[in-house]
Amino acid sequence: MKRIALIFSLTITFLLVSFSSDKRIHSSIVPNEKGLPFRVMKNEAFQRGEKLTFRLHYGFIDAGTAVLEVKDEAKMFGSRKTFHIVGTGISIGTFDWFFKVRDRYETYIDEEAIIPWFFVRRVDEGGFKISQDYTFNHYANKVDVGEGEKFDIPDNTQDMLSAFYAARCIDFSSAKEGDIFDITSFVDKELFPMQIKFVGKETIKTSLGKVKCLMFRPVVQKGRVFKKEEDMKVWITDDKNHIPVRAQAELFVGSIKLDIVKAEGLATPIVKE
């Protein structure tokens, strides 16, 4: 059962943190309230009202669904306006019968800087539960995880969910095969470094039609769950949206795949063949 939970969590987590990087981001620096620099990130990728729905496959089994939604609301954190984003993952069908998963992630992302101010994680996987509330203070480069614990973080550190949306603002137009992008997120009370490699372009069939995509391979730890270092790959739309349409991984315990089912409220039309 622990391996099943790991499979489900890896797929959802991979979707949420796969593309966080500060390289090739269109941004400029402006002073914040205390005279400290916050970037202004150009965002043409998403807007309020966007909703992405995915189906998770474990081998030939439909194991779950995941939904990422930008809520049609704006909450202020101090003088900073934010996007409220919610990600959910649930098990379905036979998989749900013997291993129930109910995961929920929330983040409040600065509308201009695309950095998180508050992150919520509620995980329930076969009775294994996680409850996290992280408060980010980018003025002081700290994150408060509760119960008096605070951690130092570098500039523009992301949470598991905000990383995905910051990554969608990256300009990949000049990316070359083999280019590697570094990732910094704060996960489970520690900084989570990762690297992803751009490997080229491909047109794939999806429920949305034939979609022109950019393909990446995260460099992952081999020998424990993965057979090789680059046994995960992901396809994102080759347009301004940069939404993931497929994520796939080969594990020692089988293969998993996440496919997009529906994309609503997009900022721009998807580029199709």
Protein backbone atom coordinates (compact mmCIF):
# COMPACT_ATOMS: atom_id res chain seq x y z
CA MET A 1 0.00 0.00 0.00
CA LYS A 2 2.86 2.41 0.73
CA ARG A 3 4.12 1.97 -2.83
CA ILE A 4 0.66 2.69 -4.23
CA ALA A 5 0.53 5.89 -2.19
CA LEU A 6 3.98 6.83 -3.45
CA ILE A 7 2.93 6.28 -7.08
CA PHE A 8 -0.09 8.55 -6.71
CA SER A 9 1.79 11.22 -4.76
CA LEU A 10 4.74 11.23 -7.15
CA THR A 11 2.49 11.86 -10.12
CA ILE A 12 0.55 14.69 -8.52
CA THR A 13 3.71 16.21 -7.03
CA PHE A 14 5.52 15.91 -10.36
CA LEU A 15 2.74 17.82 -12.04
CA LEU A 16 2.92 20.56 -9.42
CA VAL A 17 6.69 21.11 -9.26
CA SER A 18 8.06 20.04 -12.60
CA PHE A 19 8.78 23.42 -14.15
CA SER A 20 9.86 25.90 -11.49
CA SER A 21 12.84 27.98 -12.62
CA ASP A 22 14.00 31.58 -12.63
CA LYS A 23 15.87 31.19 -15.95
CA ARG A 24 14.46 32.75 -19.11
CA ILE A 25 11.66 34.48 -17.16
CA HIS A 26 10.51 37.87 -18.45
CA SER A 27 10.75 40.05 -15.34
CA SER A 28 11.84 43.42 -14.06
CA ILE A 29 12.63 44.66 -10.58
CA VAL A 30 10.51 47.21 -8.71
CA PRO A 31 10.63 48.25 -5.04
CA ASN A 32 8.15 46.78 -2.57
CA GLU A 33 6.74 48.53 0.50
CA LYS A 34 10.02 48.18 2.43
CA GLY A 35 12.26 49.12 -0.45
CA LEU A 36 13.19 45.51 -1.18
CA PRO A 37 13.14 44.28 -4.77
CA PHE A 38 10.25 42.14 -5.95
CA ARG A 39 10.30 41.02 -9.56
CA VAL A 40 7.39 41.73 -11.88
CA MET A 41 6.82 38.61 -13.93
CA LYS A 42 5.06 38.84 -17.26
CA ASN A 43 2.10 36.46 -17.14
CA GLU A 44 0.39 35.51 -20.40
CA ALA A 45 -0.07 31.88 -19.33
CA PHE A 46 -3.09 31.79 -17.01
CA GLN A 47 -5.96 33.84 -15.66
CA ARG A 48 -8.75 33.63 -13.12
CA GLY A 49 -11.34 31.06 -14.09
CA GLU A 50 -8.89 28.60 -15.64
CA LYS A 51 -9.57 24.95 -14.80
CA LEU A 52 -7.44 21.98 -15.91
CA THR A 53 -8.65 18.41 -15.40
CA PHE A 54 -6.39 15.33 -15.64
CA ARG A 55 -6.82 11.56 -15.50
CA LEU A 56 -4.22 9.37 -13.76
CA HIS A 57 -3.48 5.90 -15.16
CA TYR A 58 -1.55 3.19 -13.33
CA GLY A 59 -0.78 0.68 -16.06
CA PHE A 60 -4.15 -0.03 -17.68
CA ILE A 61 -6.11 1.11 -14.62
CA ASP A 62 -7.82 4.49 -14.35
CA ALA A 63 -6.58 5.30 -10.86
CA GLY A 64 -7.53 8.91 -10.20
CA THR A 65 -8.25 12.44 -11.31
CA ALA A 66 -6.47 15.72 -10.63
CA VAL A 67 -7.85 19.23 -11.02
CA LEU A 68 -5.98 22.55 -11.01
CA GLU A 69 -8.17 25.64 -10.76
CA VAL A 70 -7.49 29.38 -10.59
CA LYS A 71 -10.40 30.65 -8.52
CA ASP A 72 -12.38 33.64 -9.71
CA GLU A 73 -11.45 35.70 -6.67
CA ALA A 74 -8.65 37.93 -5.40
CA LYS A 75 -7.39 38.14 -1.81
CA MET A 76 -5.00 40.79 -0.54
CA PHE A 77 -1.91 39.87 1.48
CA GLY A 78 -0.89 43.22 2.88
CA SER A 79 -0.93 45.46 -0.18
CA ARG A 80 -0.28 42.55 -2.56
CA LYS A 81 -3.05 41.17 -4.77
CA THR A 82 -3.04 37.39 -5.27
CA PHE A 83 -4.32 34.52 -7.38
CA HIS A 84 -6.05 31.82 -5.31
CA ILE A 85 -5.24 28.44 -6.83
CA VAL A 86 -6.56 25.04 -5.73
CA GLY A 87 -5.27 21.62 -6.75
CA THR A 88 -7.07 18.39 -5.89
CA GLY A 89 -6.29 14.73 -6.44
CA ILE A 90 -8.70 11.85 -5.80
CA SER A 91 -8.66 8.12 -6.47
CA ILE A 92 -11.49 6.64 -8.53
CA GLY A 93 -13.06 3.31 -9.52
CA THR A 94 -11.47 0.07 -8.33
CA PHE A 95 -8.41 1.94 -7.11
CA ASP A 96 -10.61 4.02 -4.80
CA TRP A 97 -12.22 0.88 -3.43
CA PHE A 98 -9.03 -0.53 -1.92
CA PHE A 99 -6.95 2.64 -1.53
CA LYS A 100 -8.80 5.93 -1.09
CA VAL A 101 -6.94 9.16 -1.89
CA ARG A 102 -8.25 12.64 -1.11
CA ASP A 103 -5.60 15.31 -1.58
CA ARG A 104 -6.05 19.09 -1.62
CA TYR A 105 -3.47 21.82 -2.20
CA GLU A 106 -4.04 25.58 -2.10
CA THR A 107 -1.76 28.52 -2.75
CA TYR A 108 -2.13 32.29 -2.80
CA ILE A 109 0.29 33.64 -5.40
CA ASP A 110 1.39 37.25 -5.73
CA GLU A 111 -0.25 38.53 -8.91
CA GLU A 112 2.80 40.51 -10.05
CA ALA A 113 5.78 38.57 -8.69
CA ILE A 114 4.21 35.07 -9.03
CA ILE A 115 5.55 33.97 -5.64
CA PRO A 116 3.51 32.33 -2.86
CA TRP A 117 2.32 34.07 0.29
CA PHE A 118 0.35 31.20 1.81
CA PHE A 119 0.27 27.46 1.07
CA VAL A 120 -2.12 24.79 2.33
CA ARG A 121 -1.68 21.02 1.97
CA ARG A 122 -4.21 18.44 3.12
CA VAL A 123 -3.31 14.86 2.18
CA ASP A 124 -5.30 11.72 3.01
CA GLU A 125 -3.97 8.61 1.26
CA GLY A 126 -5.19 5.31 2.61
CA GLY A 127 -5.38 6.77 6.09
CA PHE A 128 -1.95 8.45 5.89
CA LYS A 129 -2.56 12.15 6.50
CA ILE A 130 -0.57 15.36 6.09
CA SER A 131 -1.72 18.81 7.19
CA GLN A 132 0.49 21.78 6.38
CA ASP A 133 0.04 25.56 6.47
CA TYR A 134 3.08 27.50 5.25
CA THR A 135 3.26 31.31 5.47
CA PHE A 136 5.89 32.85 3.17
CA ASN A 137 7.58 36.14 4.07
CA HIS A 138 9.50 37.22 0.99
CA TYR A 139 10.50 40.49 2.64
CA ALA A 140 12.59 38.54 5.15
CA ASN A 141 13.25 35.42 3.02
CA LYS A 142 11.55 33.21 5.60
CA VAL A 143 8.78 30.63 5.63
CA ASP A 144 6.75 29.98 8.79
CA VAL A 145 5.54 26.36 9.05
CA GLY A 146 3.83 26.77 12.41
CA GLU A 147 4.64 25.84 16.01
CA GLY A 148 7.43 28.39 16.12
CA GLU A 149 9.39 26.89 13.22
CA LYS A 150 10.76 29.19 10.55
CA PHE A 151 13.15 28.43 7.70
CA ASP A 152 15.39 30.55 5.51
CA ILE A 153 14.55 30.58 1.80
CA PRO A 154 16.22 32.23 -1.22
CA ASP A 155 14.53 34.85 -3.37
CA ASN A 156 11.44 33.74 -5.30
CA THR A 157 11.17 30.32 -3.62
CA GLN A 158 7.99 28.50 -4.63
CA ASP A 159 5.69 26.03 -2.91
CA MET A 160 4.60 22.77 -4.55
CA LEU A 161 1.67 24.37 -6.35
CA SER A 162 2.90 27.89 -7.09
CA ALA A 163 5.99 26.39 -8.79
CA PHE A 164 3.79 25.04 -11.58
CA TYR A 165 2.25 28.45 -12.31
CA ALA A 166 5.53 30.38 -12.12
CA ALA A 167 7.02 27.87 -14.53
CA ARG A 168 4.28 28.50 -17.05
CA CYS A 169 5.50 32.09 -17.36
CA ILE A 170 8.95 30.98 -18.55
CA ASP A 171 9.87 31.92 -22.11
CA PHE A 172 11.03 28.69 -23.76
CA SER A 173 11.18 30.21 -27.24
CA SER A 174 14.99 30.21 -27.25
CA ALA A 175 15.45 26.93 -25.38
CA LYS A 176 17.80 24.45 -27.06
CA GLU A 177 17.84 20.67 -26.72
CA GLY A 178 19.86 19.75 -23.66
CA ASP A 179 19.21 23.03 -21.82
CA ILE A 180 18.76 22.38 -18.10
CA PHE A 181 16.55 24.47 -15.81
CA ASP A 182 17.06 24.51 -12.05
CA ILE A 183 14.14 24.34 -9.61
CA THR A 184 13.82 25.66 -6.05
CA SER A 185 10.69 24.90 -4.05
CA PHE A 186 10.04 24.52 -0.33
CA VAL A 187 8.58 21.08 0.38
CA ASP A 188 8.14 19.26 3.71
CA LYS A 189 10.23 21.74 5.70
CA GLU A 190 13.18 21.79 3.35
CA LEU A 191 14.33 23.31 0.09
CA PHE A 192 13.65 20.95 -2.79
CA PRO A 193 16.18 21.32 -5.61
CA MET A 194 15.57 19.63 -8.93
CA GLN A 195 16.69 19.89 -12.55
CA ILE A 196 14.75 19.44 -15.76
CA LYS A 197 16.13 19.02 -19.26
CA PHE A 198 14.53 20.30 -22.44
CA VAL A 199 14.65 17.49 -24.99
CA GLY A 200 12.72 18.81 -27.95
CA LYS A 201 9.32 19.30 -29.58
CA GLU A 202 6.62 16.76 -30.39
CA THR A 203 3.00 16.72 -31.51
CA ILE A 204 0.88 14.28 -29.52
CA LYS A 205 -2.74 13.12 -29.56
CA THR A 206 -4.77 14.21 -26.54
CA SER A 207 -8.41 14.56 -25.59
CA LEU A 208 -8.03 18.17 -26.74
CA GLY A 209 -6.89 17.05 -30.21
CA LYS A 210 -3.39 16.92 -31.72
CA VAL A 211 -1.36 19.38 -29.69
CA LYS A 212 2.08 20.84 -30.42
CA CYS A 213 4.22 20.31 -27.34
CA LEU A 214 7.57 20.95 -25.71
CA MET A 215 9.00 17.87 -23.96
CA PHE A 216 11.09 17.84 -20.80
CA ARG A 217 12.78 15.16 -18.70
CA PRO A 218 13.31 15.84 -14.99
CA VAL A 219 16.50 14.36 -13.60
CA VAL A 220 15.32 12.14 -10.74
CA GLN A 221 16.93 9.87 -8.19
CA LYS A 222 17.47 6.39 -9.61
CA GLY A 223 17.68 3.09 -7.78
CA ARG A 224 14.81 3.52 -5.30
CA VAL A 225 11.63 4.05 -7.30
CA PHE A 226 12.94 4.90 -10.75
CA LYS A 227 14.91 2.55 -13.00
CA LYS A 228 17.00 5.34 -14.55
CA GLU A 229 17.71 8.99 -13.75
CA GLU A 230 15.50 10.24 -16.56
CA ASP A 231 12.53 7.90 -16.26
CA MET A 232 10.02 10.75 -16.02
CA LYS A 233 8.95 13.01 -18.87
CA VAL A 234 6.32 15.66 -19.44
CA TRP A 235 4.78 17.42 -22.41
CA ILE A 236 3.53 21.02 -22.22
CA THR A 237 1.72 23.00 -24.89
CA ASP A 238 4.02 24.93 -27.22
CA ASP A 239 2.08 28.17 -26.83
CA LYS A 240 1.65 30.94 -24.27
CA ASN A 241 -0.45 28.72 -21.96
CA HIS A 242 2.33 26.15 -21.31
CA ILE A 243 -0.16 23.73 -19.78
CA PRO A 244 0.93 20.13 -19.21
CA VAL A 245 -1.01 17.71 -21.39
CA ARG A 246 0.84 14.54 -20.41
CA ALA A 247 3.22 13.32 -17.71
CA GLN A 248 4.67 9.81 -17.75
CA ALA A 249 7.00 7.79 -15.54
CA GLU A 250 8.48 4.29 -15.55
CA LEU A 251 8.90 2.90 -12.04
CA PHE A 252 10.14 -0.38 -10.62
CA VAL A 253 6.54 -1.11 -9.61
CA GLY A 254 4.97 -0.20 -12.97
CA SER A 255 4.20 2.74 -15.22
CA ILE A 256 2.08 5.79 -14.46
CA LYS A 257 0.67 8.39 -16.82
CA LEU A 258 -1.26 11.61 -16.34
CA ASP A 259 -3.30 12.86 -19.33
CA ILE A 260 -5.25 16.07 -19.68
CA VAL A 261 -9.01 15.57 -20.02
CA LYS A 262 -10.33 19.11 -20.17
CA ALA A 263 -8.97 22.67 -20.28
CA GLU A 264 -11.35 25.53 -19.51
CA GLY A 265 -10.99 29.29 -19.18
CA LEU A 266 -7.58 29.47 -20.89
CA ALA A 267 -5.88 32.82 -21.40
CA THR A 268 -5.13 32.01 -25.08
CA PRO A 269 -6.17 29.23 -27.50
CA ILE A 270 -4.08 26.05 -27.54
CA VAL A 271 -1.89 25.62 -30.61
CA LYS A 272 -3.02 22.46 -32.39
CA GLU A 273 -1.88 20.71 -35.53
